[in-house]
PDB file of all heavy atoms in Angstrom:
ATOM      1  N   GLY A   1      25.006 -74.850  15.715  1.00  0.00           N
ATOM      2  CA  GLY A   1      25.157 -75.524  17.030  1.00  0.00           C
ATOM      3  C   GLY A   1      26.221 -74.981  17.919  1.00  0.00           C
ATOM      4  O   GLY A   1      26.390 -75.438  19.061  1.00  0.00           O
ATOM      5  N   SER A   2      26.992 -74.006  17.440  1.00  0.00           N
ATOM      6  CA  SER A   2      28.066 -73.468  18.269  1.00  0.00           C
ATOM      7  C   SER A   2      28.520 -72.082  17.750  1.00  0.00           C
ATOM      8  O   SER A   2      27.779 -71.414  17.025  1.00  0.00           O
ATOM      9  CB  SER A   2      29.262 -74.446  18.271  1.00  0.00           C
ATOM     10  OG  SER A   2      30.193 -74.044  19.266  1.00  0.00           O
ATOM     11  N   TYR A   3      29.731 -71.640  18.129  1.00  0.00           N
ATOM     12  CA  TYR A   3      30.310 -70.388  17.673  1.00  0.00           C
ATOM     13  C   TYR A   3      31.810 -70.440  17.908  1.00  0.00           C
ATOM     14  O   TYR A   3      32.311 -71.313  18.627  1.00  0.00           O
ATOM     15  CB  TYR A   3      29.704 -69.211  18.408  1.00  0.00           C
ATOM     16  CG  TYR A   3      30.121 -69.105  19.882  1.00  0.00           C
ATOM     17  CD1 TYR A   3      31.219 -68.317  20.258  1.00  0.00           C
ATOM     18  CD2 TYR A   3      29.484 -69.832  20.868  1.00  0.00           C
ATOM     19  CE1 TYR A   3      31.614 -68.242  21.591  1.00  0.00           C
ATOM     20  CE2 TYR A   3      29.856 -69.765  22.198  1.00  0.00           C
ATOM     21  CZ  TYR A   3      30.943 -68.946  22.553  1.00  0.00           C
ATOM     22  OH  TYR A   3      31.350 -68.905  23.851  1.00  0.00           O
ATOM     23  N   TYR A   4      32.540 -69.510  17.301  1.00  0.00           N
ATOM     24  CA  TYR A   4      33.963 -69.350  17.635  1.00  0.00           C
ATOM     25  C   TYR A   4      34.323 -67.883  17.628  1.00  0.00           C
ATOM     26  O   TYR A   4      33.568 -67.052  17.134  1.00  0.00           O
ATOM     27  CB  TYR A   4      34.877 -70.158  16.734  1.00  0.00           C
ATOM     28  CG  TYR A   4      34.882 -69.812  15.253  1.00  0.00           C
ATOM     29  CD1 TYR A   4      35.757 -68.873  14.728  1.00  0.00           C
ATOM     30  CD2 TYR A   4      34.002 -70.422  14.357  1.00  0.00           C
ATOM     31  CE1 TYR A   4      35.737 -68.529  13.391  1.00  0.00           C
ATOM     32  CE2 TYR A   4      33.984 -70.089  13.022  1.00  0.00           C
ATOM     33  CZ  TYR A   4      34.866 -69.153  12.527  1.00  0.00           C
ATOM     34  OH  TYR A   4      34.855 -68.827  11.208  1.00  0.00           O
ATOM     35  N   CYS A   5      35.473 -67.550  18.248  1.00  0.00           N
ATOM     36  CA  CYS A   5      35.883 -66.145  18.362  1.00  0.00           C
ATOM     37  C   CYS A   5      37.035 -65.896  17.393  1.00  0.00           C
ATOM     38  O   CYS A   5      37.992 -66.675  17.358  1.00  0.00           O
ATOM     39  CB  CYS A   5      36.340 -65.861  19.792  1.00  0.00           C
ATOM     40  SG  CYS A   5      35.057 -66.126  21.026  1.00  0.00           S
ATOM     41  N   LYS A   6      36.936 -64.832  16.625  1.00  0.00           N
ATOM     42  CA  LYS A   6      37.929 -64.505  15.624  1.00  0.00           C
ATOM     43  C   LYS A   6      38.428 -63.089  15.891  1.00  0.00           C
ATOM     44  O   LYS A   6      37.698 -62.265  16.446  1.00  0.00           O
ATOM     45  CB  LYS A   6      37.257 -64.579  14.253  1.00  0.00           C
ATOM     46  CG  LYS A   6      38.220 -64.772  13.108  1.00  0.00           C
ATOM     47  CD  LYS A   6      37.479 -64.980  11.802  1.00  0.00           C
ATOM     48  CE  LYS A   6      38.508 -65.159  10.716  1.00  0.00           C
ATOM     49  NZ  LYS A   6      38.014 -65.382   9.431  1.00  0.00           N
ATOM     50  N   CYS A   7      39.650 -62.792  15.464  1.00  0.00           N
ATOM     51  CA  CYS A   7      40.165 -61.428  15.629  1.00  0.00           C
ATOM     52  C   CYS A   7      39.278 -60.437  14.888  1.00  0.00           C
ATOM     53  O   CYS A   7      38.748 -60.751  13.837  1.00  0.00           O
ATOM     54  CB  CYS A   7      41.593 -61.319  15.084  1.00  0.00           C
ATOM     55  SG  CYS A   7      42.821 -62.161  16.082  1.00  0.00           S
ATOM     56  N   GLN A   8      39.136 -59.244  15.449  1.00  0.00           N
ATOM     57  CA  GLN A   8      38.386 -58.178  14.783  1.00  0.00           C
ATOM     58  C   GLN A   8      39.020 -57.875  13.446  1.00  0.00           C
ATOM     59  O   GLN A   8      40.204 -58.117  13.255  1.00  0.00           O
ATOM     60  CB  GLN A   8      38.428 -56.878  15.643  1.00  0.00           C
ATOM     61  CG  GLN A   8      37.816 -57.003  17.002  1.00  0.00           C
ATOM     62  CD  GLN A   8      36.274 -56.948  16.985  1.00  0.00           C
ATOM     63  OE1 GLN A   8      35.657 -56.990  15.941  1.00  0.00           O
ATOM     64  NE2 GLN A   8      35.694 -56.883  18.171  1.00  0.00           N
ATOM     65  N   LEU A   9      38.249 -57.302  12.502  1.00  0.00           N
ATOM     66  CA  LEU A   9      38.806 -56.921  11.210  1.00  0.00           C
ATOM     67  C   LEU A   9      39.913 -55.886  11.470  1.00  0.00           C
ATOM     68  O   LEU A   9      39.780 -55.027  12.303  1.00  0.00           O
ATOM     69  CB  LEU A   9      37.716 -56.308  10.334  1.00  0.00           C
ATOM     70  CG  LEU A   9      36.671 -57.309   9.847  1.00  0.00           C
ATOM     71  CD1 LEU A   9      35.480 -56.590   9.246  1.00  0.00           C
ATOM     72  CD2 LEU A   9      37.235 -58.286   8.854  1.00  0.00           C
ATOM     73  N   GLY A  10      41.017 -56.034  10.741  1.00  0.00           N
ATOM     74  CA  GLY A  10      42.170 -55.114  10.925  1.00  0.00           C
ATOM     75  C   GLY A  10      43.146 -55.637  11.932  1.00  0.00           C
ATOM     76  O   GLY A  10      44.168 -54.981  12.203  1.00  0.00           O
ATOM     77  N   TYR A  11      42.846 -56.816  12.514  1.00  0.00           N
ATOM     78  CA  TYR A  11      43.756 -57.444  13.450  1.00  0.00           C
ATOM     79  C   TYR A  11      44.044 -58.878  13.008  1.00  0.00           C
ATOM     80  O   TYR A  11      43.230 -59.488  12.318  1.00  0.00           O
ATOM     81  CB  TYR A  11      43.156 -57.498  14.866  1.00  0.00           C
ATOM     82  CG  TYR A  11      43.010 -56.135  15.516  1.00  0.00           C
ATOM     83  CD1 TYR A  11      41.907 -55.340  15.232  1.00  0.00           C
ATOM     84  CD2 TYR A  11      44.006 -55.629  16.356  1.00  0.00           C
ATOM     85  CE1 TYR A  11      41.779 -54.066  15.804  1.00  0.00           C
ATOM     86  CE2 TYR A  11      43.875 -54.366  16.924  1.00  0.00           C
ATOM     87  CZ  TYR A  11      42.761 -53.601  16.656  1.00  0.00           C
ATOM     88  OH  TYR A  11      42.628 -52.357  17.201  1.00  0.00           O
ATOM     89  N   GLU A  12      45.187 -59.434  13.399  1.00  0.00           N
ATOM     90  CA  GLU A  12      45.482 -60.843  13.075  1.00  0.00           C
ATOM     91  C   GLU A  12      46.043 -61.537  14.308  1.00  0.00           C
ATOM     92  O   GLU A  12      46.612 -60.890  15.199  1.00  0.00           O
ATOM     93  CB  GLU A  12      46.464 -60.954  11.906  1.00  0.00           C
ATOM     94  CG  GLU A  12      47.812 -60.322  12.155  1.00  0.00           C
ATOM     95  CD  GLU A  12      48.729 -60.359  10.938  1.00  0.00           C
ATOM     96  OE1 GLU A  12      48.447 -61.104   9.989  1.00  0.00           O
ATOM     97  OE2 GLU A  12      49.745 -59.649  10.958  1.00  0.00           O
ATOM     98  N   LEU A  13      45.834 -62.845  14.380  1.00  0.00           N
ATOM     99  CA  LEU A  13      46.299 -63.613  15.529  1.00  0.00           C
ATOM    100  C   LEU A  13      47.799 -63.865  15.406  1.00  0.00           C
ATOM    101  O   LEU A  13      48.271 -64.350  14.389  1.00  0.00           O
ATOM    102  CB  LEU A  13      45.538 -64.948  15.582  1.00  0.00           C
ATOM    103  CG  LEU A  13      45.591 -65.678  16.930  1.00  0.00           C
ATOM    104  CD1 LEU A  13      44.776 -64.909  17.948  1.00  0.00           C
ATOM    105  CD2 LEU A  13      45.048 -67.070  16.797  1.00  0.00           C
ATOM    106  N   LYS A  14      48.538 -63.496  16.455  1.00  0.00           N
ATOM    107  CA  LYS A  14      49.992 -63.689  16.455  1.00  0.00           C
ATOM    108  C   LYS A  14      50.412 -64.288  17.791  1.00  0.00           C
ATOM    109  O   LYS A  14      49.787 -64.064  18.813  1.00  0.00           O
ATOM    110  CB  LYS A  14      50.715 -62.358  16.248  1.00  0.00           C
ATOM    111  CG  LYS A  14      50.721 -61.904  14.802  1.00  0.00           C
ATOM    112  CD  LYS A  14      51.848 -60.958  14.512  1.00  0.00           C
ATOM    113  CE  LYS A  14      51.987 -60.764  13.033  1.00  0.00           C
ATOM    114  NZ  LYS A  14      52.691 -59.541  12.699  1.00  0.00           N
ATOM    115  N   TYR A  15      51.500 -65.067  17.732  1.00  0.00           N
ATOM    116  CA  TYR A  15      52.043 -65.694  18.941  1.00  0.00           C
ATOM    117  C   TYR A  15      53.128 -64.769  19.466  1.00  0.00           C
ATOM    118  O   TYR A  15      54.180 -64.638  18.877  1.00  0.00           O
ATOM    119  CB  TYR A  15      52.603 -67.045  18.575  1.00  0.00           C
ATOM    120  CG  TYR A  15      52.975 -67.912  19.773  1.00  0.00           C
ATOM    121  CD1 TYR A  15      51.987 -68.419  20.628  1.00  0.00           C
ATOM    122  CD2 TYR A  15      54.289 -68.201  20.069  1.00  0.00           C
ATOM    123  CE1 TYR A  15      52.293 -69.200  21.701  1.00  0.00           C
ATOM    124  CE2 TYR A  15      54.636 -68.982  21.177  1.00  0.00           C
ATOM    125  CZ  TYR A  15      53.636 -69.472  21.986  1.00  0.00           C
ATOM    126  OH  TYR A  15      53.942 -70.255  23.083  1.00  0.00           O
ATOM    127  N   ILE A  16      52.816 -64.063  20.558  1.00  0.00           N
ATOM    128  CA  ILE A  16      53.775 -63.107  21.131  1.00  0.00           C
ATOM    129  C   ILE A  16      53.987 -63.397  22.600  1.00  0.00           C
ATOM    130  O   ILE A  16      53.059 -63.591  23.342  1.00  0.00           O
ATOM    131  CB  ILE A  16      53.275 -61.661  20.906  1.00  0.00           C
ATOM    132  CG1 ILE A  16      53.250 -61.342  19.408  1.00  0.00           C
ATOM    133  CG2 ILE A  16      54.135 -60.652  21.630  1.00  0.00           C
ATOM    134  CD1 ILE A  16      52.542 -60.071  19.046  1.00  0.00           C
ATOM    135  N   SER A  17      55.238 -63.429  22.986  1.00  0.00           N
ATOM    136  CA  SER A  17      55.686 -63.705  24.357  1.00  0.00           C
ATOM    137  C   SER A  17      54.829 -64.791  25.032  1.00  0.00           C
ATOM    138  O   SER A  17      54.252 -64.588  26.091  1.00  0.00           O
ATOM    139  CB  SER A  17      55.763 -62.434  25.195  1.00  0.00           C
ATOM    140  OG  SER A  17      54.533 -61.745  25.227  1.00  0.00           O
ATOM    141  N   GLY A  18      54.804 -65.977  24.371  1.00  0.00           N
ATOM    142  CA  GLY A  18      54.206 -67.168  24.974  1.00  0.00           C
ATOM    143  C   GLY A  18      52.704 -67.255  24.890  1.00  0.00           C
ATOM    144  O   GLY A  18      52.125 -68.183  25.451  1.00  0.00           O
ATOM    145  N   ARG A  19      52.017 -66.336  24.242  1.00  0.00           N
ATOM    146  CA  ARG A  19      50.570 -66.496  24.088  1.00  0.00           C
ATOM    147  C   ARG A  19      50.079 -65.877  22.797  1.00  0.00           C
ATOM    148  O   ARG A  19      50.730 -65.054  22.183  1.00  0.00           O
ATOM    149  CB  ARG A  19      49.821 -65.881  25.309  1.00  0.00           C
ATOM    150  CG  ARG A  19      49.907 -64.399  25.428  1.00  0.00           C
ATOM    151  CD  ARG A  19      49.330 -63.937  26.749  1.00  0.00           C
ATOM    152  NE  ARG A  19      48.985 -62.533  26.705  1.00  0.00           N
ATOM    153  CZ  ARG A  19      47.754 -62.089  26.497  1.00  0.00           C
ATOM    154  NH1 ARG A  19      46.757 -62.920  26.344  1.00  0.00           N
ATOM    155  NH2 ARG A  19      47.507 -60.796  26.451  1.00  0.00           N
ATOM    156  N   TYR A  20      48.884 -66.313  22.384  1.00  0.00           N
ATOM    157  CA  TYR A  20      48.280 -65.815  21.161  1.00  0.00           C
ATOM    158  C   TYR A  20      47.489 -64.557  21.465  1.00  0.00           C
ATOM    159  O   TYR A  20      46.794 -64.487  22.468  1.00  0.00           O
ATOM    160  CB  TYR A  20      47.349 -66.884  20.542  1.00  0.00           C
ATOM    161  CG  TYR A  20      48.121 -68.016  19.957  1.00  0.00           C
ATOM    162  CD1 TYR A  20      48.190 -69.247  20.598  1.00  0.00           C
ATOM    163  CD2 TYR A  20      48.796 -67.877  18.751  1.00  0.00           C
ATOM    164  CE1 TYR A  20      48.917 -70.292  20.059  1.00  0.00           C
ATOM    165  CE2 TYR A  20      49.520 -68.907  18.209  1.00  0.00           C
ATOM    166  CZ  TYR A  20      49.584 -70.131  18.835  1.00  0.00           C
ATOM    167  OH  TYR A  20      50.302 -71.143  18.306  1.00  0.00           O
ATOM    168  N   ASP A  21      47.662 -63.584  20.610  1.00  0.00           N
ATOM    169  CA  ASP A  21      46.942 -62.321  20.816  1.00  0.00           C
ATOM    170  C   ASP A  21      46.573 -61.726  19.464  1.00  0.00           C
ATOM    171  O   ASP A  21      47.214 -61.989  18.458  1.00  0.00           O
ATOM    172  CB  ASP A  21      47.813 -61.346  21.595  1.00  0.00           C
ATOM    173  CG  ASP A  21      46.996 -60.410  22.471  1.00  0.00           C
ATOM    174  OD1 ASP A  21      45.749 -60.509  22.432  1.00  0.00           O
ATOM    175  OD2 ASP A  21      47.589 -59.562  23.143  1.00  0.00           O
ATOM    176  N   CYS A  22      45.501 -60.912  19.450  1.00  0.00           N
ATOM    177  CA  CYS A  22      45.102 -60.226  18.209  1.00  0.00           C
ATOM    178  C   CYS A  22      45.908 -58.926  18.138  1.00  0.00           C
ATOM    179  O   CYS A  22      45.839 -58.075  19.018  1.00  0.00           O
ATOM    180  CB  CYS A  22      43.605 -59.935  18.232  1.00  0.00           C
ATOM    181  SG  CYS A  22      42.623 -61.442  18.129  1.00  0.00           S
ATOM    182  N   VAL A  23      46.691 -58.824  17.073  1.00  0.00           N
ATOM    183  CA  VAL A  23      47.587 -57.675  16.905  1.00  0.00           C
ATOM    184  C   VAL A  23      47.158 -56.884  15.678  1.00  0.00           C
ATOM    185  O   VAL A  23      46.734 -57.449  14.678  1.00  0.00           O
ATOM    186  CB  VAL A  23      49.056 -58.190  16.734  1.00  0.00           C
ATOM    187  CG1 VAL A  23      50.022 -57.035  16.525  1.00  0.00           C
ATOM    188  CG2 VAL A  23      49.454 -59.006  17.948  1.00  0.00           C
ATOM    189  N   ASP A  24      47.299 -55.541  15.786  1.00  0.00           N
ATOM    190  CA  ASP A  24      46.926 -54.655  14.676  1.00  0.00           C
ATOM    191  C   ASP A  24      47.719 -55.006  13.407  1.00  0.00           C
ATOM    192  O   ASP A  24      48.917 -55.256  13.479  1.00  0.00           O
ATOM    193  CB  ASP A  24      47.215 -53.219  15.102  1.00  0.00           C
ATOM    194  CG  ASP A  24      47.071 -52.235  13.932  1.00  0.00           C
ATOM    195  OD1 ASP A  24      45.971 -52.222  13.354  1.00  0.00           O
ATOM    196  OD2 ASP A  24      48.039 -51.524  13.623  1.00  0.00           O
ATOM    197  N   VAL A  25      47.029 -55.036  12.287  1.00  0.00           N
ATOM    198  CA  VAL A  25      47.687 -55.267  10.990  1.00  0.00           C
ATOM    199  C   VAL A  25      48.090 -53.865  10.477  1.00  0.00           C
ATOM    200  O   VAL A  25      47.256 -52.966  10.421  1.00  0.00           O
ATOM    201  CB  VAL A  25      46.695 -55.901   9.962  1.00  0.00           C
ATOM    202  CG1 VAL A  25      47.328 -55.974   8.592  1.00  0.00           C
ATOM    203  CG2 VAL A  25      46.300 -57.285  10.451  1.00  0.00           C
ATOM    204  N   ASN A  26      49.357 -53.718  10.134  1.00  0.00           N
ATOM    205  CA  ASN A  26      49.830 -52.431   9.559  1.00  0.00           C
ATOM    206  C   ASN A  26      49.591 -52.471   8.060  1.00  0.00           C
ATOM    207  O   ASN A  26      50.403 -52.985   7.311  1.00  0.00           O
ATOM    208  CB  ASN A  26      51.297 -52.198   9.914  1.00  0.00           C
ATOM    209  CG  ASN A  26      51.743 -50.806   9.459  1.00  0.00           C
ATOM    210  OD1 ASN A  26      51.181 -50.189   8.568  1.00  0.00           O
ATOM    211  ND2 ASN A  26      52.808 -50.316  10.116  1.00  0.00           N
ATOM    212  N   GLU A  27      48.435 -51.969   7.633  1.00  0.00           N
ATOM    213  CA  GLU A  27      48.054 -52.036   6.222  1.00  0.00           C
ATOM    214  C   GLU A  27      49.022 -51.284   5.303  1.00  0.00           C
ATOM    215  O   GLU A  27      49.171 -51.595   4.144  1.00  0.00           O
ATOM    216  CB  GLU A  27      46.631 -51.454   6.002  1.00  0.00           C
ATOM    217  CG  GLU A  27      45.528 -52.278   6.634  1.00  0.00           C
ATOM    218  CD  GLU A  27      45.262 -51.986   8.092  1.00  0.00           C
ATOM    219  OE1 GLU A  27      46.007 -51.148   8.681  1.00  0.00           O
ATOM    220  OE2 GLU A  27      44.376 -52.623   8.658  1.00  0.00           O
ATOM    221  N   CYS A  28      49.741 -50.280   5.906  1.00  0.00           N
ATOM    222  CA  CYS A  28      50.699 -49.489   5.113  1.00  0.00           C
ATOM    223  C   CYS A  28      51.932 -50.327   4.772  1.00  0.00           C
ATOM    224  O   CYS A  28      52.486 -50.207   3.699  1.00  0.00           O
ATOM    225  CB  CYS A  28      51.121 -48.257   5.894  1.00  0.00           C
ATOM    226  SG  CYS A  28      49.723 -47.242   6.387  1.00  0.00           S
ATOM    227  N   VAL A  29      52.297 -51.235   5.663  1.00  0.00           N
ATOM    228  CA  VAL A  29      53.473 -52.104   5.441  1.00  0.00           C
ATOM    229  C   VAL A  29      53.070 -53.311   4.598  1.00  0.00           C
ATOM    230  O   VAL A  29      53.787 -53.715   3.666  1.00  0.00           O
ATOM    231  CB  VAL A  29      54.068 -52.556   6.814  1.00  0.00           C
ATOM    232  CG1 VAL A  29      55.170 -53.595   6.584  1.00  0.00           C
ATOM    233  CG2 VAL A  29      54.618 -51.361   7.554  1.00  0.00           C
ATOM    234  N   THR A  30      51.906 -53.912   4.887  1.00  0.00           N
ATOM    235  CA  THR A  30      51.467 -55.100   4.157  1.00  0.00           C
ATOM    236  C   THR A  30      50.914 -54.756   2.764  1.00  0.00           C
ATOM    237  O   THR A  30      50.603 -55.619   1.991  1.00  0.00           O
ATOM    238  CB  THR A  30      50.393 -55.890   4.925  1.00  0.00           C
ATOM    239  OG1 THR A  30      49.282 -54.998   5.184  1.00  0.00           O
ATOM    240  CG2 THR A  30      50.917 -56.428   6.246  1.00  0.00           C
ATOM    241  N   ASN A  31      50.832 -53.423   2.493  1.00  0.00           N
ATOM    242  CA  ASN A  31      50.332 -52.938   1.210  1.00  0.00           C
ATOM    243  C   ASN A  31      48.897 -53.363   0.898  1.00  0.00           C
ATOM    244  O   ASN A  31      48.544 -53.606  -0.241  1.00  0.00           O
ATOM    245  CB  ASN A  31      51.277 -53.388   0.079  1.00  0.00           C
ATOM    246  CG  ASN A  31      51.608 -52.213  -0.854  1.00  0.00           C
ATOM    247  OD1 ASN A  31      51.166 -51.093  -0.628  1.00  0.00           O
ATOM    248  ND2 ASN A  31      52.373 -52.495  -1.903  1.00  0.00           N
ATOM    249  N   THR A  32      48.080 -53.461   1.954  1.00  0.00           N
ATOM    250  CA  THR A  32      46.675 -53.850   1.761  1.00  0.00           C
ATOM    251  C   THR A  32      45.760 -52.608   1.833  1.00  0.00           C
ATOM    252  O   THR A  32      44.565 -52.732   1.914  1.00  0.00           O
ATOM    253  CB  THR A  32      46.254 -54.896   2.797  1.00  0.00           C
ATOM    254  OG1 THR A  32      46.661 -54.431   4.099  1.00  0.00           O
ATOM    255  CG2 THR A  32      46.849 -56.251   2.511  1.00  0.00           C
ATOM    256  N   HIS A  33      46.381 -51.418   1.807  1.00  0.00           N
ATOM    257  CA  HIS A  33      45.586 -50.164   1.837  1.00  0.00           C
ATOM    258  C   HIS A  33      45.149 -49.850   0.407  1.00  0.00           C
ATOM    259  O   HIS A  33      45.644 -50.439  -0.556  1.00  0.00           O
ATOM    260  CB  HIS A  33      46.422 -49.025   2.414  1.00  0.00           C
ATOM    261  CG  HIS A  33      47.632 -48.707   1.622  1.00  0.00           C
ATOM    262  ND1 HIS A  33      47.609 -47.915   0.499  1.00  0.00           N
ATOM    263  CD2 HIS A  33      48.920 -49.143   1.748  1.00  0.00           C
ATOM    264  CE1 HIS A  33      48.816 -47.816  -0.019  1.00  0.00           C
ATOM    265  NE2 HIS A  33      49.640 -48.571   0.718  1.00  0.00           N
ATOM    266  N   ARG A  34      44.211 -48.898   0.309  1.00  0.00           N
ATOM    267  CA  ARG A  34      43.733 -48.512  -1.024  1.00  0.00           C
ATOM    268  C   ARG A  34      43.977 -47.019  -1.242  1.00  0.00           C
ATOM    269  O   ARG A  34      43.200 -46.322  -1.908  1.00  0.00           O
ATOM    270  CB  ARG A  34      42.249 -48.838  -1.167  1.00  0.00           C
ATOM    271  CG  ARG A  34      41.916 -50.311  -1.007  1.00  0.00           C
ATOM    272  CD  ARG A  34      40.414 -50.596  -0.981  1.00  0.00           C
ATOM    273  NE  ARG A  34      39.661 -49.780  -0.032  1.00  0.00           N
ATOM    274  CZ  ARG A  34      39.614 -49.997   1.254  1.00  0.00           C
ATOM    275  NH1 ARG A  34      40.295 -50.983   1.804  1.00  0.00           N
ATOM    276  NH2 ARG A  34      38.900 -49.207   2.052  1.00  0.00           N
ATOM    277  N   CYS A  35      45.057 -46.518  -0.670  1.00  0.00           N
ATOM    278  CA  CYS A  35      45.377 -45.077  -0.780  1.00  0.00           C
ATOM    279  C   CYS A  35      45.783 -44.754  -2.203  1.00  0.00           C
ATOM    280  O   CYS A  35      46.331 -45.594  -2.927  1.00  0.00           O
ATOM    281  CB  CYS A  35      46.514 -44.710   0.174  1.00  0.00           C
ATOM    282  SG  CYS A  35      46.090 -44.878   1.899  1.00  0.00           S
ATOM    283  N   SER A  36      45.538 -43.504  -2.582  1.00  0.00           N
ATOM    284  CA  SER A  36      45.946 -43.006  -3.889  1.00  0.00           C
ATOM    285  C   SER A  36      47.471 -43.019  -3.981  1.00  0.00           C
ATOM    286  O   SER A  36      48.180 -42.967  -2.970  1.00  0.00           O
ATOM    287  CB  SER A  36      45.436 -41.571  -4.040  1.00  0.00           C
ATOM    288  OG  SER A  36      46.173 -40.876  -5.026  1.00  0.00           O
ATOM    289  N   LEU A  37      47.978 -43.082  -5.201  1.00  0.00           N
ATOM    290  CA  LEU A  37      49.436 -43.038  -5.422  1.00  0.00           C
ATOM    291  C   LEU A  37      49.988 -41.706  -4.934  1.00  0.00           C
ATOM    292  O   LEU A  37      51.152 -41.593  -4.573  1.00  0.00           O
ATOM    293  CB  LEU A  37      49.755 -43.192  -6.897  1.00  0.00           C
ATOM    294  CG  LEU A  37      49.621 -44.603  -7.488  1.00  0.00           C
ATOM    295  CD1 LEU A  37      49.709 -44.559  -9.012  1.00  0.00           C
ATOM    296  CD2 LEU A  37      50.690 -45.519  -6.918  1.00  0.00           C
ATOM    297  N   HIS A  38      49.114 -40.664  -4.879  1.00  0.00           N
ATOM    298  CA  HIS A  38      49.547 -39.338  -4.453  1.00  0.00           C
ATOM    299  C   HIS A  38      49.144 -39.078  -3.007  1.00  0.00           C
ATOM    300  O   HIS A  38      48.881 -37.939  -2.631  1.00  0.00           O
ATOM    301  CB  HIS A  38      48.915 -38.281  -5.387  1.00  0.00           C
ATOM    302  CG  HIS A  38      49.219 -38.511  -6.827  1.00  0.00           C
ATOM    303  ND1 HIS A  38      50.486 -38.415  -7.346  1.00  0.00           N
ATOM    304  CD2 HIS A  38      48.395 -38.893  -7.852  1.00  0.00           C
ATOM    305  CE1 HIS A  38      50.453 -38.713  -8.624  1.00  0.00           C
ATOM    306  NE2 HIS A  38      49.214 -39.017  -8.968  1.00  0.00           N
ATOM    307  N   ALA A  39      49.064 -40.170  -2.200  1.00  0.00           N
ATOM    308  CA  ALA A  39      48.705 -40.029  -0.793  1.00  0.00           C
ATOM    309  C   ALA A  39      49.636 -40.800   0.100  1.00  0.00           C
ATOM    310  O   ALA A  39      50.305 -41.726  -0.369  1.00  0.00           O
ATOM    311  CB  ALA A  39      47.259 -40.502  -0.571  1.00  0.00           C
ATOM    312  N   GLU A  40      49.679 -40.379   1.345  1.00  0.00           N
ATOM    313  CA  GLU A  40      50.479 -41.091   2.348  1.00  0.00           C
ATOM    314  C   GLU A  40      49.538 -42.015   3.109  1.00  0.00           C
ATOM    315  O   GLU A  40      48.419 -41.649   3.406  1.00  0.00           O
ATOM    316  CB  GLU A  40      51.064 -40.106   3.362  1.00  0.00           C
ATOM    317  CG  GLU A  40      52.394 -39.523   3.046  1.00  0.00           C
ATOM    318  CD  GLU A  40      52.752 -38.535   4.131  1.00  0.00           C
ATOM    319  OE1 GLU A  40      53.261 -38.964   5.183  1.00  0.00           O
ATOM    320  OE2 GLU A  40      52.499 -37.328   3.924  1.00  0.00           O
ATOM    321  N   CYS A  41      50.016 -43.225   3.442  1.00  0.00           N
ATOM    322  CA  CYS A  41      49.223 -44.156   4.236  1.00  0.00           C
ATOM    323  C   CYS A  41      49.662 -44.005   5.709  1.00  0.00           C
ATOM    324  O   CYS A  41      50.854 -43.996   6.014  1.00  0.00           O
ATOM    325  CB  CYS A  41      49.490 -45.581   3.754  1.00  0.00           C
ATOM    326  SG  CYS A  41      48.655 -46.826   4.764  1.00  0.00           S
ATOM    327  N   LEU A  42      48.669 -43.862   6.585  1.00  0.00           N
ATOM    328  CA  LEU A  42      48.957 -43.740   8.026  1.00  0.00           C
ATOM    329  C   LEU A  42      48.248 -44.880   8.736  1.00  0.00           C
ATOM    330  O   LEU A  42      47.023 -44.993   8.648  1.00  0.00           O
ATOM    331  CB  LEU A  42      48.441 -42.394   8.582  1.00  0.00           C
ATOM    332  CG  LEU A  42      48.923 -41.130   7.831  1.00  0.00           C
ATOM    333  CD1 LEU A  42      48.032 -39.945   8.155  1.00  0.00           C
ATOM    334  CD2 LEU A  42      50.360 -40.823   8.176  1.00  0.00           C
ATOM    335  N   ASN A  43      49.021 -45.716   9.425  1.00  0.00           N
ATOM    336  CA  ASN A  43      48.430 -46.858  10.132  1.00  0.00           C
ATOM    337  C   ASN A  43      47.710 -46.379  11.397  1.00  0.00           C
ATOM    338  O   ASN A  43      48.194 -45.471  12.083  1.00  0.00           O
ATOM    339  CB  ASN A  43      49.508 -47.866  10.491  1.00  0.00           C
ATOM    340  CG  ASN A  43      48.912 -49.127  11.077  1.00  0.00           C
ATOM    341  OD1 ASN A  43      48.008 -49.709  10.501  1.00  0.00           O
ATOM    342  ND2 ASN A  43      49.387 -49.551  12.239  1.00  0.00           N
ATOM    343  N   THR A  44      46.530 -46.963  11.669  1.00  0.00           N
ATOM    344  CA  THR A  44      45.833 -46.702  12.926  1.00  0.00           C
ATOM    345  C   THR A  44      45.464 -48.045  13.562  1.00  0.00           C
ATOM    346  O   THR A  44      45.595 -49.076  12.894  1.00  0.00           O
ATOM    347  CB  THR A  44      44.499 -45.907  12.648  1.00  0.00           C
ATOM    348  OG1 THR A  44      43.663 -46.726  11.840  1.00  0.00           O
ATOM    349  CG2 THR A  44      44.752 -44.597  11.965  1.00  0.00           C
TER     350      THR A  44
END
């Protein structure tokens, strides 16, 4: 009967300078990447 809007995958809702916005998730910092132990993680 309805719908809602959600941040795209790889983004999260954050409250920045007085409003909510979808901000990129830095998977390298949050450790949610699946890179090899012998690889560097580069956020995009």
